[in-house]
Amino acid sequence: MSGDSSQGPLSGLGVRIQNAQDAAQLRWLLSCASEQAIRLAAQRLGARQAPRPHEVIAALGLERRHSRREQAQVPLERVRAHARARTQGWREGAVG
């Protein structure tokens, strides 16, 4: 997939789309920034090839967070228990 192919509203923004993840990132970016801002950022970044969506997101000062990151948080007590086990040499019964 490339930015020149028929991607509907995604084409013509000057952003390179190589896979479904790129297309999803660009759709998200369109919900956060205007088409003009995306085009200008892509032009500033442009070299031999059009920039990928994650590069444009970073250039605009945005950060795309996924809900998986919130679910992956480990409770503080588990982190502390892990640190105690490491300092005690992973002995039997050291965790907890």
PDB file of N, CA and C in Angstrom:
ATOM      1  N   MET A   1       0.853  -1.181   0.000  1.00  0.00           N
ATOM      2  CA  MET A   1       0.000   0.000   0.000  1.00  0.00           C
ATOM      3  C   MET A   1       0.890   1.232   0.000  1.00  0.00           C
ATOM      4  N   SER A   2       0.553   2.202  -0.727  1.00  0.00           N
ATOM      5  CA  SER A   2       1.315   3.435  -0.710  1.00  0.00           C
ATOM      6  C   SER A   2       0.355   4.598  -0.568  1.00  0.00           C
ATOM      7  N   GLY A   3       0.894   5.772  -0.279  1.00  0.00           N
ATOM      8  CA  GLY A   3       0.079   6.945  -0.105  1.00  0.00           C
ATOM      9  C   GLY A   3      -0.613   7.385  -1.378  1.00  0.00           C
ATOM     10  N   ASP A   4      -0.115   6.885  -2.547  1.00  0.00           N
ATOM     11  CA  ASP A   4      -0.696   7.279  -3.818  1.00  0.00           C
ATOM     12  C   ASP A   4      -1.846   6.381  -4.237  1.00  0.00           C
ATOM     13  N   SER A   5      -2.010   5.245  -3.597  1.00  0.00           N
ATOM     14  CA  SER A   5      -3.092   4.341  -3.987  1.00  0.00           C
ATOM     15  C   SER A   5      -4.429   4.896  -3.514  1.00  0.00           C
ATOM     16  N   SER A   6      -5.497   4.276  -3.960  1.00  0.00           N
ATOM     17  CA  SER A   6      -6.817   4.787  -3.622  1.00  0.00           C
ATOM     18  C   SER A   6      -7.179   4.426  -2.185  1.00  0.00           C
ATOM     19  N   GLN A   7      -6.862   5.273  -1.255  1.00  0.00           N
ATOM     20  CA  GLN A   7      -7.159   5.076   0.156  1.00  0.00           C
ATOM     21  C   GLN A   7      -8.311   5.972   0.605  1.00  0.00           C
ATOM     22  N   GLY A   8      -9.057   6.510  -0.328  1.00  0.00           N
ATOM     23  CA  GLY A   8     -10.157   7.394   0.029  1.00  0.00           C
ATOM     24  C   GLY A   8      -9.621   8.673   0.638  1.00  0.00           C
ATOM     25  N   PRO A   9     -10.128   9.056   1.826  1.00  0.00           N
ATOM     26  CA  PRO A   9      -9.686  10.304   2.444  1.00  0.00           C
ATOM     27  C   PRO A   9      -8.232  10.255   2.909  1.00  0.00           C
ATOM     28  N   LEU A  10      -7.631   9.078   2.941  1.00  0.00           N
ATOM     29  CA  LEU A  10      -6.240   8.970   3.403  1.00  0.00           C
ATOM     30  C   LEU A  10      -5.241   9.341   2.318  1.00  0.00           C
ATOM     31  N   SER A  11      -5.641   9.264   1.062  1.00  0.00           N
ATOM     32  CA  SER A  11      -4.710   9.601  -0.007  1.00  0.00           C
ATOM     33  C   SER A  11      -4.607  11.116  -0.148  1.00  0.00           C
ATOM     34  N   GLY A  12      -3.510  11.555  -0.671  1.00  0.00           N
ATOM     35  CA  GLY A  12      -3.331  12.981  -0.910  1.00  0.00           C
ATOM     36  C   GLY A  12      -2.860  13.771   0.290  1.00  0.00           C
ATOM     37  N   LEU A  13      -2.518  13.105   1.368  1.00  0.00           N
ATOM     38  CA  LEU A  13      -2.036  13.811   2.556  1.00  0.00           C
ATOM     39  C   LEU A  13      -0.515  13.856   2.615  1.00  0.00           C
ATOM     40  N   GLY A  14       0.136  13.162   1.689  1.00  0.00           N
ATOM     41  CA  GLY A  14       1.594  13.159   1.663  1.00  0.00           C
ATOM     42  C   GLY A  14       2.206  12.226   2.688  1.00  0.00           C
ATOM     43  N   VAL A  15       1.418  11.265   3.161  1.00  0.00           N
ATOM     44  CA  VAL A  15       1.879  10.319   4.178  1.00  0.00           C
ATOM     45  C   VAL A  15       1.920   8.935   3.542  1.00  0.00           C
ATOM     46  N   ARG A  16       2.999   8.200   3.794  1.00  0.00           N
ATOM     47  CA  ARG A  16       3.180   6.865   3.229  1.00  0.00           C
ATOM     48  C   ARG A  16       2.436   5.829   4.063  1.00  0.00           C
ATOM     49  N   ILE A  17       1.615   5.047   3.398  1.00  0.00           N
ATOM     50  CA  ILE A  17       0.857   3.989   4.068  1.00  0.00           C
ATOM     51  C   ILE A  17       1.337   2.663   3.506  1.00  0.00           C
ATOM     52  N   GLN A  18       1.965   1.852   4.370  1.00  0.00           N
ATOM     53  CA  GLN A  18       2.503   0.576   3.924  1.00  0.00           C
ATOM     54  C   GLN A  18       1.685  -0.616   4.408  1.00  0.00           C
ATOM     55  N   ASN A  19       0.896  -0.430   5.446  1.00  0.00           N
ATOM     56  CA  ASN A  19       0.142  -1.563   5.992  1.00  0.00           C
ATOM     57  C   ASN A  19      -1.104  -1.048   6.714  1.00  0.00           C
ATOM     58  N   ALA A  20      -1.858  -1.986   7.266  1.00  0.00           N
ATOM     59  CA  ALA A  20      -3.110  -1.632   7.944  1.00  0.00           C
ATOM     60  C   ALA A  20      -2.856  -0.791   9.194  1.00  0.00           C
ATOM     61  N   GLN A  21      -1.744  -1.029   9.872  1.00  0.00           N
ATOM     62  CA  GLN A  21      -1.428  -0.239  11.067  1.00  0.00           C
ATOM     63  C   GLN A  21      -1.174   1.220  10.692  1.00  0.00           C
ATOM     64  N   ASP A  22      -0.485   1.452   9.587  1.00  0.00           N
ATOM     65  CA  ASP A  22      -0.267   2.820   9.116  1.00  0.00           C
ATOM     66  C   ASP A  22      -1.596   3.508   8.815  1.00  0.00           C
ATOM     67  N   ALA A  23      -2.503   2.777   8.165  1.00  0.00           N
ATOM     68  CA  ALA A  23      -3.814   3.349   7.838  1.00  0.00           C
ATOM     69  C   ALA A  23      -4.585   3.684   9.108  1.00  0.00           C
ATOM     70  N   ALA A  24      -4.523   2.808  10.100  1.00  0.00           N
ATOM     71  CA  ALA A  24      -5.219   3.073  11.368  1.00  0.00           C
ATOM     72  C   ALA A  24      -4.611   4.279  12.074  1.00  0.00           C
ATOM     73  N   GLN A  25      -3.287   4.404  12.058  1.00  0.00           N
ATOM     74  CA  GLN A  25      -2.642   5.559  12.685  1.00  0.00           C
ATOM     75  C   GLN A  25      -3.036   6.849  11.979  1.00  0.00           C
ATOM     76  N   LEU A  26      -3.112   6.797  10.660  1.00  0.00           N
ATOM     77  CA  LEU A  26      -3.477   7.999   9.915  1.00  0.00           C
ATOM     78  C   LEU A  26      -4.937   8.380  10.163  1.00  0.00           C
ATOM     79  N   ARG A  27      -5.819   7.392  10.273  1.00  0.00           N
ATOM     80  CA  ARG A  27      -7.219   7.699  10.617  1.00  0.00           C
ATOM     81  C   ARG A  27      -7.302   8.362  11.986  1.00  0.00           C
ATOM     82  N   TRP A  28      -6.540   7.843  12.956  1.00  0.00           N
ATOM     83  CA  TRP A  28      -6.519   8.440  14.286  1.00  0.00           C
ATOM     84  C   TRP A  28      -5.986   9.865  14.212  1.00  0.00           C
ATOM     85  N   LEU A  29      -4.927  10.057  13.439  1.00  0.00           N
ATOM     86  CA  LEU A  29      -4.335  11.387  13.299  1.00  0.00           C
ATOM     87  C   LEU A  29      -5.335  12.366  12.705  1.00  0.00           C
ATOM     88  N   LEU A  30      -6.125  11.917  11.735  1.00  0.00           N
ATOM     89  CA  LEU A  30      -7.145  12.781  11.141  1.00  0.00           C
ATOM     90  C   LEU A  30      -8.206  13.197  12.155  1.00  0.00           C
ATOM     91  N   SER A  31      -8.434  12.364  13.172  1.00  0.00           N
ATOM     92  CA  SER A  31      -9.405  12.732  14.204  1.00  0.00           C
ATOM     93  C   SER A  31      -8.839  13.761  15.178  1.00  0.00           C
ATOM     94  N   CYS A  32      -7.516  13.908  15.190  1.00  0.00           N
ATOM     95  CA  CYS A  32      -6.864  14.832  16.136  1.00  0.00           C
ATOM     96  C   CYS A  32      -6.344  16.106  15.488  1.00  0.00           C
ATOM     97  N   ALA A  33      -6.046  16.059  14.213  1.00  0.00           N
ATOM     98  CA  ALA A  33      -5.436  17.212  13.539  1.00  0.00           C
ATOM     99  C   ALA A  33      -6.116  17.417  12.189  1.00  0.00           C
ATOM    100  N   SER A  34      -5.999  18.619  11.675  1.00  0.00           N
ATOM    101  CA  SER A  34      -6.615  18.929  10.389  1.00  0.00           C
ATOM    102  C   SER A  34      -5.788  18.357   9.242  1.00  0.00           C
ATOM    103  N   GLU A  35      -6.427  18.199   8.100  1.00  0.00           N
ATOM    104  CA  GLU A  35      -5.720  17.704   6.917  1.00  0.00           C
ATOM    105  C   GLU A  35      -4.575  18.631   6.543  1.00  0.00           C
ATOM    106  N   GLN A  36      -4.812  19.937   6.674  1.00  0.00           N
ATOM    107  CA  GLN A  36      -3.775  20.911   6.325  1.00  0.00           C
ATOM    108  C   GLN A  36      -2.567  20.762   7.244  1.00  0.00           C
ATOM    109  N   ALA A  37      -2.786  20.576   8.543  1.00  0.00           N
ATOM    110  CA  ALA A  37      -1.677  20.406   9.479  1.00  0.00           C
ATOM    111  C   ALA A  37      -0.886  19.139   9.163  1.00  0.00           C
ATOM    112  N   ILE A  38      -1.590  18.083   8.783  1.00  0.00           N
ATOM    113  CA  ILE A  38      -0.930  16.820   8.439  1.00  0.00           C
ATOM    114  C   ILE A  38      -0.098  16.994   7.175  1.00  0.00           C
ATOM    115  N   ARG A  39      -0.670  17.657   6.163  1.00  0.00           N
ATOM    116  CA  ARG A  39       0.078  17.889   4.919  1.00  0.00           C
ATOM    117  C   ARG A  39       1.329  18.720   5.171  1.00  0.00           C
ATOM    118  N   LEU A  40       1.205  19.778   5.966  1.00  0.00           N
ATOM    119  CA  LEU A  40       2.358  20.637   6.246  1.00  0.00           C
ATOM    120  C   LEU A  40       3.449  19.883   7.006  1.00  0.00           C
ATOM    121  N   ALA A  41       3.050  19.092   7.993  1.00  0.00           N
ATOM    122  CA  ALA A  41       4.026  18.309   8.741  1.00  0.00           C
ATOM    123  C   ALA A  41       4.703  17.284   7.835  1.00  0.00           C
ATOM    124  N   ALA A  42       3.945  16.653   6.958  1.00  0.00           N
ATOM    125  CA  ALA A  42       4.521  15.676   6.031  1.00  0.00           C
ATOM    126  C   ALA A  42       5.495  16.347   5.072  1.00  0.00           C
ATOM    127  N   GLN A  43       5.176  17.555   4.634  1.00  0.00           N
ATOM    128  CA  GLN A  43       6.084  18.283   3.749  1.00  0.00           C
ATOM    129  C   GLN A  43       7.369  18.653   4.467  1.00  0.00           C
ATOM    130  N   ARG A  44       7.262  19.077   5.738  1.00  0.00           N
ATOM    131  CA  ARG A  44       8.467  19.417   6.511  1.00  0.00           C
ATOM    132  C   ARG A  44       9.358  18.200   6.698  1.00  0.00           C
ATOM    133  N   LEU A  45       8.744  17.037   6.889  1.00  0.00           N
ATOM    134  CA  LEU A  45       9.493  15.805   7.122  1.00  0.00           C
ATOM    135  C   LEU A  45       9.966  15.137   5.842  1.00  0.00           C
ATOM    136  N   GLY A  46       9.315  15.453   4.742  1.00  0.00           N
ATOM    137  CA  GLY A  46       9.556  14.744   3.494  1.00  0.00           C
ATOM    138  C   GLY A  46      11.006  14.771   3.065  1.00  0.00           C
ATOM    139  N   ALA A  47      11.469  13.638   2.619  1.00  0.00           N
ATOM    140  CA  ALA A  47      12.801  13.508   2.062  1.00  0.00           C
ATOM    141  C   ALA A  47      12.625  12.836   0.697  1.00  0.00           C
ATOM    142  N   ARG A  48      13.256  11.686   0.495  1.00  0.00           N
ATOM    143  CA  ARG A  48      13.059  10.959  -0.757  1.00  0.00           C
ATOM    144  C   ARG A  48      11.704  10.279  -0.785  1.00  0.00           C
ATOM    145  N   GLN A  49      11.222   9.845   0.377  1.00  0.00           N
ATOM    146  CA  GLN A  49       9.920   9.195   0.472  1.00  0.00           C
ATOM    147  C   GLN A  49       9.033   9.976   1.419  1.00  0.00           C
ATOM    148  N   ALA A  50       7.745   9.814   1.249  1.00  0.00           N
ATOM    149  CA  ALA A  50       6.789  10.444   2.172  1.00  0.00           C
ATOM    150  C   ALA A  50       6.970   9.818   3.553  1.00  0.00           C
ATOM    151  N   PRO A  51       6.782  10.590   4.611  1.00  0.00           N
ATOM    152  CA  PRO A  51       6.951  10.051   5.967  1.00  0.00           C
ATOM    153  C   PRO A  51       5.827   9.088   6.336  1.00  0.00           C
ATOM    154  N   ARG A  52       6.109   8.196   7.250  1.00  0.00           N
ATOM    155  CA  ARG A  52       5.097   7.267   7.766  1.00  0.00           C
ATOM    156  C   ARG A  52       4.245   8.005   8.800  1.00  0.00           C
ATOM    157  N   PRO A  53       3.039   7.525   9.087  1.00  0.00           N
ATOM    158  CA  PRO A  53       2.134   8.223  10.017  1.00  0.00           C
ATOM    159  C   PRO A  53       2.739   8.468  11.403  1.00  0.00           C
ATOM    160  N   HIS A  54       3.495   7.504  11.957  1.00  0.00           N
ATOM    161  CA  HIS A  54       4.049   7.708  13.297  1.00  0.00           C
ATOM    162  C   HIS A  54       5.049   8.858  13.323  1.00  0.00           C
ATOM    163  N   GLU A  55       5.721   9.112  12.211  1.00  0.00           N
ATOM    164  CA  GLU A  55       6.646  10.242  12.136  1.00  0.00           C
ATOM    165  C   GLU A  55       5.884  11.570  12.129  1.00  0.00           C
ATOM    166  N   VAL A  56       4.762  11.606  11.428  1.00  0.00           N
ATOM    167  CA  VAL A  56       3.938  12.816  11.384  1.00  0.00           C
ATOM    168  C   VAL A  56       3.302  13.064  12.756  1.00  0.00           C
ATOM    169  N   ILE A  57       2.859  11.998  13.418  1.00  0.00           N
ATOM    170  CA  ILE A  57       2.285  12.128  14.761  1.00  0.00           C
ATOM    171  C   ILE A  57       3.306  12.757  15.707  1.00  0.00           C
ATOM    172  N   ALA A  58       4.546  12.283  15.656  1.00  0.00           N
ATOM    173  CA  ALA A  58       5.602  12.836  16.519  1.00  0.00           C
ATOM    174  C   ALA A  58       5.922  14.278  16.140  1.00  0.00           C
ATOM    175  N   ALA A  59       5.949  14.587  14.840  1.00  0.00           N
ATOM    176  CA  ALA A  59       6.253  15.948  14.395  1.00  0.00           C
ATOM    177  C   ALA A  59       5.197  16.949  14.852  1.00  0.00           C
ATOM    178  N   LEU A  60       3.957  16.493  14.986  1.00  0.00           N
ATOM    179  CA  LEU A  60       2.882  17.372  15.448  1.00  0.00           C
ATOM    180  C   LEU A  60       2.814  17.450  16.970  1.00  0.00           C
ATOM    181  N   GLY A  61       3.693  16.713  17.645  1.00  0.00           N
ATOM    182  CA  GLY A  61       3.717  16.755  19.101  1.00  0.00           C
ATOM    183  C   GLY A  61       2.609  15.953  19.748  1.00  0.00           C
ATOM    184  N   LEU A  62       2.043  15.006  19.014  1.00  0.00           N
ATOM    185  CA  LEU A  62       0.979  14.171  19.555  1.00  0.00           C
ATOM    186  C   LEU A  62       1.555  12.831  19.986  1.00  0.00           C
ATOM    187  N   GLU A  63       0.810  12.116  20.801  1.00  0.00           N
ATOM    188  CA  GLU A  63       1.214  10.781  21.213  1.00  0.00           C
ATOM    189  C   GLU A  63      -0.012   9.901  21.206  1.00  0.00           C
ATOM    190  N   ARG A  64       0.089   8.798  20.499  1.00  0.00           N
ATOM    191  CA  ARG A  64      -1.039   7.878  20.426  1.00  0.00           C
ATOM    192  C   ARG A  64      -0.852   6.808  21.477  1.00  0.00           C
ATOM    193  N   ARG A  65      -1.731   6.790  22.443  1.00  0.00           N
ATOM    194  CA  ARG A  65      -1.680   5.783  23.505  1.00  0.00           C
ATOM    195  C   ARG A  65      -2.710   4.713  23.210  1.00  0.00           C
ATOM    196  N   HIS A  66      -2.360   3.490  23.509  1.00  0.00           N
ATOM    197  CA  HIS A  66      -3.270   2.367  23.309  1.00  0.00           C
ATOM    198  C   HIS A  66      -3.825   1.949  24.661  1.00  0.00           C
ATOM    199  N   SER A  67      -5.034   1.466  24.652  1.00  0.00           N
ATOM    200  CA  SER A  67      -5.649   1.045  25.912  1.00  0.00           C
ATOM    201  C   SER A  67      -4.906  -0.127  26.530  1.00  0.00           C
ATOM    202  N   ARG A  68      -4.199  -0.920  25.714  1.00  0.00           N
ATOM    203  CA  ARG A  68      -3.447  -2.048  26.249  1.00  0.00           C
ATOM    204  C   ARG A  68      -2.426  -1.600  27.281  1.00  0.00           C
ATOM    205  N   ARG A  69      -1.867  -0.432  27.110  1.00  0.00           N
ATOM    206  CA  ARG A  69      -0.843   0.060  28.029  1.00  0.00           C
ATOM    207  C   ARG A  69      -1.425   0.239  29.436  1.00  0.00           C
ATOM    208  N   GLU A  70      -2.650   0.734  29.527  1.00  0.00           N
ATOM    209  CA  GLU A  70      -3.277   0.913  30.836  1.00  0.00           C
ATOM    210  C   GLU A  70      -3.538  -0.436  31.502  1.00  0.00           C
ATOM    211  N   GLN A  71      -3.965  -1.412  30.726  1.00  0.00           N
ATOM    212  CA  GLN A  71      -4.262  -2.727  31.272  1.00  0.00           C
ATOM    213  C   GLN A  71      -3.002  -3.472  31.676  1.00  0.00           C
ATOM    214  N   ALA A  72      -1.878  -3.094  31.100  1.00  0.00           N
ATOM    215  CA  ALA A  72      -0.633  -3.803  31.362  1.00  0.00           C
ATOM    216  C   ALA A  72       0.074  -3.292  32.619  1.00  0.00           C
ATOM    217  N   GLN A  73      -0.487  -2.325  33.306  1.00  0.00           N
ATOM    218  CA  GLN A  73       0.158  -1.800  34.499  1.00  0.00           C
ATOM    219  C   GLN A  73       0.154  -2.851  35.598  1.00  0.00           C
ATOM    220  N   VAL A  74       1.289  -2.982  36.240  1.00  0.00           N
ATOM    221  CA  VAL A  74       1.455  -3.957  37.310  1.00  0.00           C
ATOM    222  C   VAL A  74       1.226  -3.241  38.641  1.00  0.00           C
ATOM    223  N   PRO A  75       0.485  -3.854  39.554  1.00  0.00           N
ATOM    224  CA  PRO A  75       0.270  -3.235  40.857  1.00  0.00           C
ATOM    225  C   PRO A  75       1.607  -2.973  41.567  1.00  0.00           C
ATOM    226  N   LEU A  76       1.666  -1.861  42.273  1.00  0.00           N
ATOM    227  CA  LEU A  76       2.895  -1.445  42.937  1.00  0.00           C
ATOM    228  C   LEU A  76       3.420  -2.508  43.895  1.00  0.00           C
ATOM    229  N   GLU A  77       2.553  -3.208  44.597  1.00  0.00           N
ATOM    230  CA  GLU A  77       3.014  -4.227  45.540  1.00  0.00           C
ATOM    231  C   GLU A  77       3.730  -5.371  44.818  1.00  0.00           C
ATOM    232  N   ARG A  78       3.266  -5.738  43.621  1.00  0.00           N
ATOM    233  CA  ARG A  78       3.966  -6.775  42.861  1.00  0.00           C
ATOM    234  C   ARG A  78       5.343  -6.310  42.431  1.00  0.00           C
ATOM    235  N   VAL A  79       5.465  -5.044  42.080  1.00  0.00           N
ATOM    236  CA  VAL A  79       6.764  -4.490  41.695  1.00  0.00           C
ATOM    237  C   VAL A  79       7.706  -4.515  42.888  1.00  0.00           C
ATOM    238  N   ARG A  80       7.205  -4.100  44.041  1.00  0.00           N
ATOM    239  CA  ARG A  80       8.037  -4.111  45.250  1.00  0.00           C
ATOM    240  C   ARG A  80       8.435  -5.526  45.647  1.00  0.00           C
ATOM    241  N   ALA A  81       7.522  -6.497  45.533  1.00  0.00           N
ATOM    242  CA  ALA A  81       7.832  -7.884  45.855  1.00  0.00           C
ATOM    243  C   ALA A  81       8.895  -8.423  44.903  1.00  0.00           C
ATOM    244  N   HIS A  82       8.801  -8.048  43.652  1.00  0.00           N
ATOM    245  CA  HIS A  82       9.797  -8.471  42.673  1.00  0.00           C
ATOM    246  C   HIS A  82      11.168  -7.898  43.026  1.00  0.00           C
ATOM    247  N   ALA A  83      11.200  -6.617  43.390  1.00  0.00           N
ATOM    248  CA  ALA A  83      12.473  -5.989  43.770  1.00  0.00           C
ATOM    249  C   ALA A  83      13.057  -6.642  45.017  1.00  0.00           C
ATOM    250  N   ARG A  84      12.209  -6.959  46.007  1.00  0.00           N
ATOM    251  CA  ARG A  84      12.702  -7.646  47.216  1.00  0.00           C
ATOM    252  C   ARG A  84      13.286  -9.007  46.855  1.00  0.00           C
ATOM    253  N   ALA A  85      12.613  -9.741  45.988  1.00  0.00           N
ATOM    254  CA  ALA A  85      13.098 -11.063  45.587  1.00  0.00           C
ATOM    255  C   ALA A  85      14.439 -10.957  44.872  1.00  0.00           C
ATOM    256  N   ARG A  86      14.604  -9.935  44.064  1.00  0.00           N
ATOM    257  CA  ARG A  86      15.885  -9.756  43.364  1.00  0.00           C
ATOM    258  C   ARG A  86      17.002  -9.466  44.348  1.00  0.00           C
ATOM    259  N   THR A  87      16.744  -8.606  45.321  1.00  0.00           N
ATOM    260  CA  THR A  87      17.808  -8.257  46.273  1.00  0.00           C
ATOM    261  C   THR A  87      18.123  -9.400  47.215  1.00  0.00           C
ATOM    262  N   GLN A  88      17.183 -10.298  47.418  1.00  0.00           N
ATOM    263  CA  GLN A  88      17.419 -11.428  48.321  1.00  0.00           C
ATOM    264  C   GLN A  88      17.908 -12.653  47.562  1.00  0.00           C
ATOM    265  N   GLY A  89      18.133 -12.550  46.284  1.00  0.00           N
ATOM    266  CA  GLY A  89      18.719 -13.640  45.527  1.00  0.00           C
ATOM    267  C   GLY A  89      17.757 -14.710  45.093  1.00  0.00           C
ATOM    268  N   TRP A  90      16.475 -14.411  45.000  1.00  0.00           N
ATOM    269  CA  TRP A  90      15.471 -15.349  44.504  1.00  0.00           C
ATOM    270  C   TRP A  90      15.416 -16.634  45.343  1.00  0.00           C
ATOM    271  N   ARG A  91      15.647 -16.501  46.617  1.00  0.00           N
ATOM    272  CA  ARG A  91      15.559 -17.683  47.496  1.00  0.00           C
ATOM    273  C   ARG A  91      14.126 -18.163  47.605  1.00  0.00           C
ATOM    274  N   GLU A  92      13.972 -19.383  48.051  1.00  0.00           N
ATOM    275  CA  GLU A  92      12.635 -19.962  48.250  1.00  0.00           C
ATOM    276  C   GLU A  92      11.882 -19.126  49.272  1.00  0.00           C
ATOM    277  N   GLY A  93      10.686 -18.731  48.957  1.00  0.00           N
ATOM    278  CA  GLY A  93       9.863 -17.965  49.874  1.00  0.00           C
ATOM    279  C   GLY A  93      10.216 -16.489  49.915  1.00  0.00           C
ATOM    280  N   ALA A  94      11.099 -16.020  49.037  1.00  0.00           N
ATOM    281  CA  ALA A  94      11.520 -14.620  49.058  1.00  0.00           C
ATOM    282  C   ALA A  94      10.442 -13.707  48.494  1.00  0.00           C
ATOM    283  N   VAL A  95       9.583 -14.215  47.635  1.00  0.00           N
ATOM    284  CA  VAL A  95       8.541 -13.388  47.045  1.00  0.00           C
ATOM    285  C   VAL A  95       7.357 -13.318  47.982  1.00  0.00           C
ATOM    286  N   GLY A  96       6.994 -12.083  48.328  1.00  0.00           N
ATOM    287  CA  GLY A  96       5.801 -11.910  49.153  1.00  0.00           C
ATOM    288  C   GLY A  96       6.130 -11.657  50.524  1.00  0.00           C
TER     289      GLY A  96
END
